[in-house]
């Protein structure tokens, strides 16, 4: 099946139905200064099996490649007006329903959903950068996070370049579409999406996939140490 032709100059806003559409409409008005081709819809996510930063945000914003430069420029503008003001108001209002994700069997305490994720398209082969802003941020911290997106963009661009180079190599033997599918399944560091998060206890953009890897490694190490201690206790009892 051939790759789908990607739309140019499109902004999509997907929000949880618990959020009043009037709040989303205000932000959409600010976004319309970048593009009149807006797609806005309320959607309830289905069951998820993912880590905190990968779970759907209450509001998900998608920016197509042709609009990225203008979007980033607007983020560097005055916080009291324009796009930043619209996003800031939406961020505050989207907290009100207190949307939380939990397990179906209730085995874990529900966690707050991230309030906003911003996903930008970097090229025509599906490379994207996604920025996740959690509920714990206050307005000042939220605006600081928007300001700092430009600082982390070089990391997103470097990821994009590595992925393009690998796809070019794979295309010679597999064809482009098969190379893309192969990358997504076998090369963790070159996933199509480069994920960043702005946790409230650190107040800087972090590489969320790298963070997840460290957490998983620590959990594995802790389990091994626990197993060693349990085996040691059993040996002493004998």
C-alpha atoms as a PDB file:
ATOM      1  CA  UNK A   1       0.000   0.000   0.000  1.00  0.00           C
ATOM      2  CA  UNK A   2       1.545   3.342  -0.985  1.00  0.00           C
ATOM      3  CA  UNK A   3       2.300   5.986   1.609  1.00  0.00           C
ATOM      4  CA  UNK A   4      -0.535   8.442   2.073  1.00  0.00           C
ATOM      5  CA  UNK A   5       0.079  11.898   0.720  1.00  0.00           C
ATOM      6  CA  UNK A   6       0.476  14.190   3.718  1.00  0.00           C
ATOM      7  CA  UNK A   7      -1.672  17.255   4.128  1.00  0.00           C
ATOM      8  CA  UNK A   8       0.024  20.635   4.209  1.00  0.00           C
ATOM      9  CA  UNK A   9      -1.029  23.529   6.417  1.00  0.00           C
ATOM     10  CA  UNK A  10      -3.367  21.688   8.751  1.00  0.00           C
ATOM     11  CA  UNK A  11      -3.898  22.100  12.475  1.00  0.00           C
ATOM     12  CA  UNK A  12      -5.815  19.445  14.386  1.00  0.00           C
ATOM     13  CA  UNK A  13      -7.160  19.762  17.919  1.00  0.00           C
ATOM     14  CA  UNK A  14      -8.484  16.634  19.643  1.00  0.00           C
ATOM     15  CA  UNK A  15      -9.882  17.113  23.140  1.00  0.00           C
ATOM     16  CA  UNK A  16     -11.530  15.037  25.857  1.00  0.00           C
ATOM     17  CA  UNK A  17     -15.349  15.380  25.818  1.00  0.00           C
ATOM     18  CA  UNK A  18     -15.306  16.435  29.480  1.00  0.00           C
ATOM     19  CA  UNK A  19     -13.762  19.756  28.419  1.00  0.00           C
ATOM     20  CA  UNK A  20     -16.228  22.425  27.367  1.00  0.00           C
ATOM     21  CA  UNK A  21     -15.984  23.126  23.649  1.00  0.00           C
ATOM     22  CA  UNK A  22     -16.153  26.880  24.306  1.00  0.00           C
ATOM     23  CA  UNK A  23     -12.735  26.694  25.952  1.00  0.00           C
ATOM     24  CA  UNK A  24     -11.294  24.917  22.928  1.00  0.00           C
ATOM     25  CA  UNK A  25     -12.938  27.417  20.582  1.00  0.00           C
ATOM     26  CA  UNK A  26     -11.027  30.299  22.214  1.00  0.00           C
ATOM     27  CA  UNK A  27      -7.699  28.583  21.580  1.00  0.00           C
ATOM     28  CA  UNK A  28      -8.790  27.683  18.057  1.00  0.00           C
ATOM     29  CA  UNK A  29      -9.359  31.367  17.342  1.00  0.00           C
ATOM     30  CA  UNK A  30      -5.746  32.068  18.290  1.00  0.00           C
ATOM     31  CA  UNK A  31      -4.572  29.162  16.119  1.00  0.00           C
ATOM     32  CA  UNK A  32      -6.518  30.520  13.162  1.00  0.00           C
ATOM     33  CA  UNK A  33      -3.913  33.271  12.815  1.00  0.00           C
ATOM     34  CA  UNK A  34      -1.572  30.525  11.610  1.00  0.00           C
ATOM     35  CA  UNK A  35      -4.001  28.533   9.499  1.00  0.00           C
ATOM     36  CA  UNK A  36      -7.695  28.583   8.626  1.00  0.00           C
ATOM     37  CA  UNK A  37      -7.718  24.850   7.948  1.00  0.00           C
ATOM     38  CA  UNK A  38      -8.549  23.719  11.489  1.00  0.00           C
ATOM     39  CA  UNK A  39      -9.905  20.311  12.414  1.00  0.00           C
ATOM     40  CA  UNK A  40     -11.413  20.241  15.904  1.00  0.00           C
ATOM     41  CA  UNK A  41     -13.124  17.271  17.516  1.00  0.00           C
ATOM     42  CA  UNK A  42     -13.994  15.825  20.901  1.00  0.00           C
ATOM     43  CA  UNK A  43     -12.850  12.231  21.266  1.00  0.00           C
ATOM     44  CA  UNK A  44     -12.716   9.788  24.147  1.00  0.00           C
ATOM     45  CA  UNK A  45      -9.573   7.612  23.917  1.00  0.00           C
ATOM     46  CA  UNK A  46      -9.986   3.866  24.031  1.00  0.00           C
ATOM     47  CA  UNK A  47      -8.142   1.549  26.459  1.00  0.00           C
ATOM     48  CA  UNK A  48      -4.465   2.404  26.751  1.00  0.00           C
ATOM     49  CA  UNK A  49      -1.488   0.366  27.843  1.00  0.00           C
ATOM     50  CA  UNK A  50       1.237   2.928  28.183  1.00  0.00           C
ATOM     51  CA  UNK A  51       3.538   4.856  30.488  1.00  0.00           C
ATOM     52  CA  UNK A  52       2.505   8.228  31.956  1.00  0.00           C
ATOM     53  CA  UNK A  53       4.027  10.463  29.265  1.00  0.00           C
ATOM     54  CA  UNK A  54       2.685   8.315  26.425  1.00  0.00           C
ATOM     55  CA  UNK A  55      -0.942   8.342  27.583  1.00  0.00           C
ATOM     56  CA  UNK A  56      -3.254  10.720  25.683  1.00  0.00           C
ATOM     57  CA  UNK A  57      -3.378  14.309  26.930  1.00  0.00           C
ATOM     58  CA  UNK A  58      -6.671  16.035  27.700  1.00  0.00           C
ATOM     59  CA  UNK A  59      -6.026  18.252  24.668  1.00  0.00           C
ATOM     60  CA  UNK A  60      -3.866  17.081  21.768  1.00  0.00           C
ATOM     61  CA  UNK A  61      -2.628  19.602  19.240  1.00  0.00           C
ATOM     62  CA  UNK A  62      -1.183  18.536  15.866  1.00  0.00           C
ATOM     63  CA  UNK A  63       0.773  20.963  13.660  1.00  0.00           C
ATOM     64  CA  UNK A  64       1.611  19.979  10.091  1.00  0.00           C
ATOM     65  CA  UNK A  65       5.059  20.544   8.634  1.00  0.00           C
ATOM     66  CA  UNK A  66       4.226  23.643   6.627  1.00  0.00           C
ATOM     67  CA  UNK A  67       3.154  25.525   9.760  1.00  0.00           C
ATOM     68  CA  UNK A  68       5.942  24.609  12.171  1.00  0.00           C
ATOM     69  CA  UNK A  69       8.135  27.679  11.650  1.00  0.00           C
ATOM     70  CA  UNK A  70       5.218  30.068  12.127  1.00  0.00           C
ATOM     71  CA  UNK A  71       3.996  28.140  15.160  1.00  0.00           C
ATOM     72  CA  UNK A  72       7.393  28.251  16.871  1.00  0.00           C
ATOM     73  CA  UNK A  73       7.707  31.947  16.098  1.00  0.00           C
ATOM     74  CA  UNK A  74       4.324  32.593  17.732  1.00  0.00           C
ATOM     75  CA  UNK A  75       5.404  30.641  20.824  1.00  0.00           C
ATOM     76  CA  UNK A  76       8.268  33.095  21.208  1.00  0.00           C
ATOM     77  CA  UNK A  77       5.855  36.026  21.229  1.00  0.00           C
ATOM     78  CA  UNK A  78       4.169  38.036  23.981  1.00  0.00           C
ATOM     79  CA  UNK A  79       2.523  35.867  26.643  1.00  0.00           C
ATOM     80  CA  UNK A  80      -0.253  38.433  27.121  1.00  0.00           C
ATOM     81  CA  UNK A  81      -1.667  38.056  23.637  1.00  0.00           C
ATOM     82  CA  UNK A  82      -1.978  35.826  20.604  1.00  0.00           C
ATOM     83  CA  UNK A  83      -1.284  32.110  20.547  1.00  0.00           C
ATOM     84  CA  UNK A  84       0.464  31.862  23.919  1.00  0.00           C
ATOM     85  CA  UNK A  85      -2.422  33.575  25.676  1.00  0.00           C
ATOM     86  CA  UNK A  86      -4.939  31.284  23.961  1.00  0.00           C
ATOM     87  CA  UNK A  87      -3.024  28.129  24.867  1.00  0.00           C
ATOM     88  CA  UNK A  88      -2.456  29.329  28.425  1.00  0.00           C
ATOM     89  CA  UNK A  89      -6.192  29.954  28.955  1.00  0.00           C
ATOM     90  CA  UNK A  90      -7.021  26.545  27.486  1.00  0.00           C
ATOM     91  CA  UNK A  91      -4.414  24.872  29.709  1.00  0.00           C
ATOM     92  CA  UNK A  92      -6.014  26.380  32.809  1.00  0.00           C
ATOM     93  CA  UNK A  93      -9.602  25.577  31.799  1.00  0.00           C
ATOM     94  CA  UNK A  94      -8.762  22.011  30.696  1.00  0.00           C
ATOM     95  CA  UNK A  95      -7.668  21.235  34.268  1.00  0.00           C
ATOM     96  CA  UNK A  96     -11.187  21.761  35.620  1.00  0.00           C
ATOM     97  CA  UNK A  97     -12.652  18.325  34.749  1.00  0.00           C
ATOM     98  CA  UNK A  98      -9.711  16.687  36.580  1.00  0.00           C
ATOM     99  CA  UNK A  99      -9.313  14.020  33.913  1.00  0.00           C
ATOM    100  CA  UNK A 100      -7.440  10.979  35.202  1.00  0.00           C
ATOM    101  CA  UNK A 101      -6.296   7.665  33.754  1.00  0.00           C
ATOM    102  CA  UNK A 102      -6.526   4.460  35.740  1.00  0.00           C
ATOM    103  CA  UNK A 103      -6.513   0.711  35.244  1.00  0.00           C
ATOM    104  CA  UNK A 104      -9.735  -1.093  34.341  1.00  0.00           C
ATOM    105  CA  UNK A 105      -9.450  -3.406  37.347  1.00  0.00           C
ATOM    106  CA  UNK A 106      -8.665  -0.554  39.726  1.00  0.00           C
ATOM    107  CA  UNK A 107      -5.353  -2.118  40.722  1.00  0.00           C
ATOM    108  CA  UNK A 108      -3.522   1.212  40.482  1.00  0.00           C
ATOM    109  CA  UNK A 109      -4.306   4.687  41.716  1.00  0.00           C
ATOM    110  CA  UNK A 110      -5.526   6.852  38.792  1.00  0.00           C
ATOM    111  CA  UNK A 111      -3.026   9.465  37.645  1.00  0.00           C
ATOM    112  CA  UNK A 112      -3.817  12.945  36.271  1.00  0.00           C
ATOM    113  CA  UNK A 113      -3.870  13.131  32.502  1.00  0.00           C
ATOM    114  CA  UNK A 114      -1.359  15.498  30.933  1.00  0.00           C
ATOM    115  CA  UNK A 115      -3.294  18.629  30.006  1.00  0.00           C
ATOM    116  CA  UNK A 116      -1.744  19.438  26.640  1.00  0.00           C
ATOM    117  CA  UNK A 117       0.435  17.695  24.098  1.00  0.00           C
ATOM    118  CA  UNK A 118       1.805  19.493  21.060  1.00  0.00           C
ATOM    119  CA  UNK A 119       2.849  17.280  18.169  1.00  0.00           C
ATOM    120  CA  UNK A 120       4.638  18.822  15.207  1.00  0.00           C
ATOM    121  CA  UNK A 121       5.441  17.177  11.903  1.00  0.00           C
ATOM    122  CA  UNK A 122       9.091  17.454  10.908  1.00  0.00           C
ATOM    123  CA  UNK A 123       9.186  15.908   7.418  1.00  0.00           C
ATOM    124  CA  UNK A 124       7.258  13.953   4.795  1.00  0.00           C
ATOM    125  CA  UNK A 125       8.192  10.493   6.106  1.00  0.00           C
ATOM    126  CA  UNK A 126       6.396  10.703   9.427  1.00  0.00           C
ATOM    127  CA  UNK A 127       9.061  12.049  11.794  1.00  0.00           C
ATOM    128  CA  UNK A 128       7.405  14.021  14.586  1.00  0.00           C
ATOM    129  CA  UNK A 129       8.326  15.825  17.791  1.00  0.00           C
ATOM    130  CA  UNK A 130       5.813  15.691  20.642  1.00  0.00           C
ATOM    131  CA  UNK A 131       5.845  17.938  23.707  1.00  0.00           C
ATOM    132  CA  UNK A 132       3.830  16.894  26.777  1.00  0.00           C
ATOM    133  CA  UNK A 133       2.740  19.408  29.430  1.00  0.00           C
ATOM    134  CA  UNK A 134       1.426  17.844  32.680  1.00  0.00           C
ATOM    135  CA  UNK A 135      -1.397  19.020  34.933  1.00  0.00           C
ATOM    136  CA  UNK A 136       0.989  19.891  37.777  1.00  0.00           C
ATOM    137  CA  UNK A 137       2.339  22.972  35.963  1.00  0.00           C
ATOM    138  CA  UNK A 138       1.036  26.372  36.973  1.00  0.00           C
ATOM    139  CA  UNK A 139       0.520  29.178  34.446  1.00  0.00           C
ATOM    140  CA  UNK A 140       4.003  30.648  34.861  1.00  0.00           C
ATOM    141  CA  UNK A 141       5.637  27.238  34.466  1.00  0.00           C
ATOM    142  CA  UNK A 142       3.451  26.449  31.462  1.00  0.00           C
ATOM    143  CA  UNK A 143       4.516  29.643  29.700  1.00  0.00           C
ATOM    144  CA  UNK A 144       8.154  28.884  30.547  1.00  0.00           C
ATOM    145  CA  UNK A 145       7.754  25.460  28.957  1.00  0.00           C
ATOM    146  CA  UNK A 146       6.444  27.038  25.749  1.00  0.00           C
ATOM    147  CA  UNK A 147       9.385  29.441  25.715  1.00  0.00           C
ATOM    148  CA  UNK A 148      11.838  26.565  26.081  1.00  0.00           C
ATOM    149  CA  UNK A 149      10.506  24.456  23.200  1.00  0.00           C
ATOM    150  CA  UNK A 150      12.901  26.272  20.859  1.00  0.00           C
ATOM    151  CA  UNK A 151      15.809  25.178  23.083  1.00  0.00           C
ATOM    152  CA  UNK A 152      14.977  21.482  22.690  1.00  0.00           C
ATOM    153  CA  UNK A 153      14.219  21.633  18.970  1.00  0.00           C
ATOM    154  CA  UNK A 154      17.875  20.884  18.002  1.00  0.00           C
ATOM    155  CA  UNK A 155      17.471  17.490  19.724  1.00  0.00           C
ATOM    156  CA  UNK A 156      14.337  16.846  17.668  1.00  0.00           C
ATOM    157  CA  UNK A 157      16.136  17.897  14.491  1.00  0.00           C
ATOM    158  CA  UNK A 158      19.081  15.620  15.289  1.00  0.00           C
ATOM    159  CA  UNK A 159      16.682  12.704  15.771  1.00  0.00           C
ATOM    160  CA  UNK A 160      15.040  13.535  12.462  1.00  0.00           C
ATOM    161  CA  UNK A 161      18.390  13.612  10.657  1.00  0.00           C
ATOM    162  CA  UNK A 162      19.448  10.230  12.089  1.00  0.00           C
ATOM    163  CA  UNK A 163      16.132   8.710  11.080  1.00  0.00           C
ATOM    164  CA  UNK A 164      16.323  10.137   7.546  1.00  0.00           C
ATOM    165  CA  UNK A 165      19.829   8.741   7.116  1.00  0.00           C
ATOM    166  CA  UNK A 166      18.742   5.293   8.297  1.00  0.00           C
ATOM    167  CA  UNK A 167      15.675   5.350   6.062  1.00  0.00           C
ATOM    168  CA  UNK A 168      17.842   6.251   3.086  1.00  0.00           C
ATOM    169  CA  UNK A 169      20.004   3.219   3.824  1.00  0.00           C
ATOM    170  CA  UNK A 170      16.976   0.946   4.277  1.00  0.00           C
ATOM    171  CA  UNK A 171      15.270   2.258   1.154  1.00  0.00           C
ATOM    172  CA  UNK A 172      18.065   0.844  -1.008  1.00  0.00           C
ATOM    173  CA  UNK A 173      17.236  -2.719   0.017  1.00  0.00           C
ATOM    174  CA  UNK A 174      13.613  -2.652   1.223  1.00  0.00           C
ATOM    175  CA  UNK A 175      11.862   0.321  -0.330  1.00  0.00           C
ATOM    176  CA  UNK A 176      10.795   3.379   1.645  1.00  0.00           C
ATOM    177  CA  UNK A 177       7.547   2.135   3.191  1.00  0.00           C
ATOM    178  CA  UNK A 178       9.044  -1.168   4.351  1.00  0.00           C
ATOM    179  CA  UNK A 179      12.060   0.696   5.736  1.00  0.00           C
ATOM    180  CA  UNK A 180       9.749   2.977   7.749  1.00  0.00           C
ATOM    181  CA  UNK A 181       7.833   0.002   9.176  1.00  0.00           C
ATOM    182  CA  UNK A 182      11.071  -1.841   9.975  1.00  0.00           C
ATOM    183  CA  UNK A 183      12.472   1.188  11.809  1.00  0.00           C
ATOM    184  CA  UNK A 184       9.354   1.600  13.919  1.00  0.00           C
ATOM    185  CA  UNK A 185       9.548  -2.023  15.065  1.00  0.00           C
ATOM    186  CA  UNK A 186      13.268  -2.588  15.513  1.00  0.00           C
ATOM    187  CA  UNK A 187      15.067   0.664  16.255  1.00  0.00           C
ATOM    188  CA  UNK A 188      13.857   2.188  19.513  1.00  0.00           C
ATOM    189  CA  UNK A 189      16.117   5.231  19.244  1.00  0.00           C
ATOM    190  CA  UNK A 190      14.685   6.023  15.823  1.00  0.00           C
ATOM    191  CA  UNK A 191      10.965   5.846  16.441  1.00  0.00           C
ATOM    192  CA  UNK A 192       8.997   8.219  14.205  1.00  0.00           C
ATOM    193  CA  UNK A 193       7.990  10.229  17.290  1.00  0.00           C
ATOM    194  CA  UNK A 194      10.573  11.981  19.462  1.00  0.00           C
ATOM    195  CA  UNK A 195       8.856  12.489  22.809  1.00  0.00           C
ATOM    196  CA  UNK A 196       9.666  15.276  25.268  1.00  0.00           C
ATOM    197  CA  UNK A 197       8.052  16.060  28.635  1.00  0.00           C
ATOM    198  CA  UNK A 198       8.234  19.027  31.017  1.00  0.00           C
ATOM    199  CA  UNK A 199       7.830  17.567  34.546  1.00  0.00           C
ATOM    200  CA  UNK A 200       6.932  20.037  37.281  1.00  0.00           C
ATOM    201  CA  UNK A 201       9.704  18.830  39.601  1.00  0.00           C
ATOM    202  CA  UNK A 202      12.434  19.587  37.039  1.00  0.00           C
ATOM    203  CA  UNK A 203      11.034  22.442  34.942  1.00  0.00           C
ATOM    204  CA  UNK A 204      12.998  21.559  31.846  1.00  0.00           C
ATOM    205  CA  UNK A 205      12.294  19.518  28.749  1.00  0.00           C
ATOM    206  CA  UNK A 206      13.467  15.931  29.088  1.00  0.00           C
ATOM    207  CA  UNK A 207      13.776  13.098  26.597  1.00  0.00           C
ATOM    208  CA  UNK A 208      10.799  11.037  27.769  1.00  0.00           C
ATOM    209  CA  UNK A 209      11.821   7.836  25.967  1.00  0.00           C
ATOM    210  CA  UNK A 210      15.259   7.988  27.589  1.00  0.00           C
ATOM    211  CA  UNK A 211      13.609   8.641  30.961  1.00  0.00           C
ATOM    212  CA  UNK A 212      11.360   5.618  30.476  1.00  0.00           C
ATOM    213  CA  UNK A 213      14.364   3.478  29.657  1.00  0.00           C
ATOM    214  CA  UNK A 214      16.109   4.566  32.866  1.00  0.00           C
ATOM    215  CA  UNK A 215      12.983   3.890  34.942  1.00  0.00           C
ATOM    216  CA  UNK A 216      12.609   0.432  33.387  1.00  0.00           C
ATOM    217  CA  UNK A 217      16.287  -0.364  34.020  1.00  0.00           C
ATOM    218  CA  UNK A 218      15.984   0.726  37.660  1.00  0.00           C
ATOM    219  CA  UNK A 219      12.858  -1.389  38.161  1.00  0.00           C
ATOM    220  CA  UNK A 220      14.625  -4.406  36.682  1.00  0.00           C
ATOM    221  CA  UNK A 221      17.657  -3.809  38.903  1.00  0.00           C
ATOM    222  CA  UNK A 222      15.445  -3.466  42.004  1.00  0.00           C
ATOM    223  CA  UNK A 223      13.630  -6.726  41.174  1.00  0.00           C
ATOM    224  CA  UNK A 224      16.938  -8.564  40.766  1.00  0.00           C
ATOM    225  CA  UNK A 225      18.246  -7.219  44.093  1.00  0.00           C
ATOM    226  CA  UNK A 226      15.003  -8.229  45.803  1.00  0.00           C
ATOM    227  CA  UNK A 227      15.253 -11.734  44.337  1.00  0.00           C
ATOM    228  CA  UNK A 228      18.866 -12.050  45.522  1.00  0.00           C
ATOM    229  CA  UNK A 229      17.882 -11.023  49.071  1.00  0.00           C
ATOM    230  CA  UNK A 230      14.991 -13.490  49.120  1.00  0.00           C
ATOM    231  CA  UNK A 231      17.240 -16.310  47.905  1.00  0.00           C
ATOM    232  CA  UNK A 232      19.812 -15.379  50.521  1.00  0.00           C
ATOM    233  CA  UNK A 233      17.202 -15.567  53.293  1.00  0.00           C
ATOM    234  CA  UNK A 234      16.029 -18.992  52.097  1.00  0.00           C
ATOM    235  CA  UNK A 235      19.620 -20.261  52.059  1.00  0.00           C
ATOM    236  CA  UNK A 236      20.191 -19.113  55.653  1.00  0.00           C
ATOM    237  CA  UNK A 237      17.025 -20.849  56.828  1.00  0.00           C
ATOM    238  CA  UNK A 238      18.300 -24.115  55.387  1.00  0.00           C
END
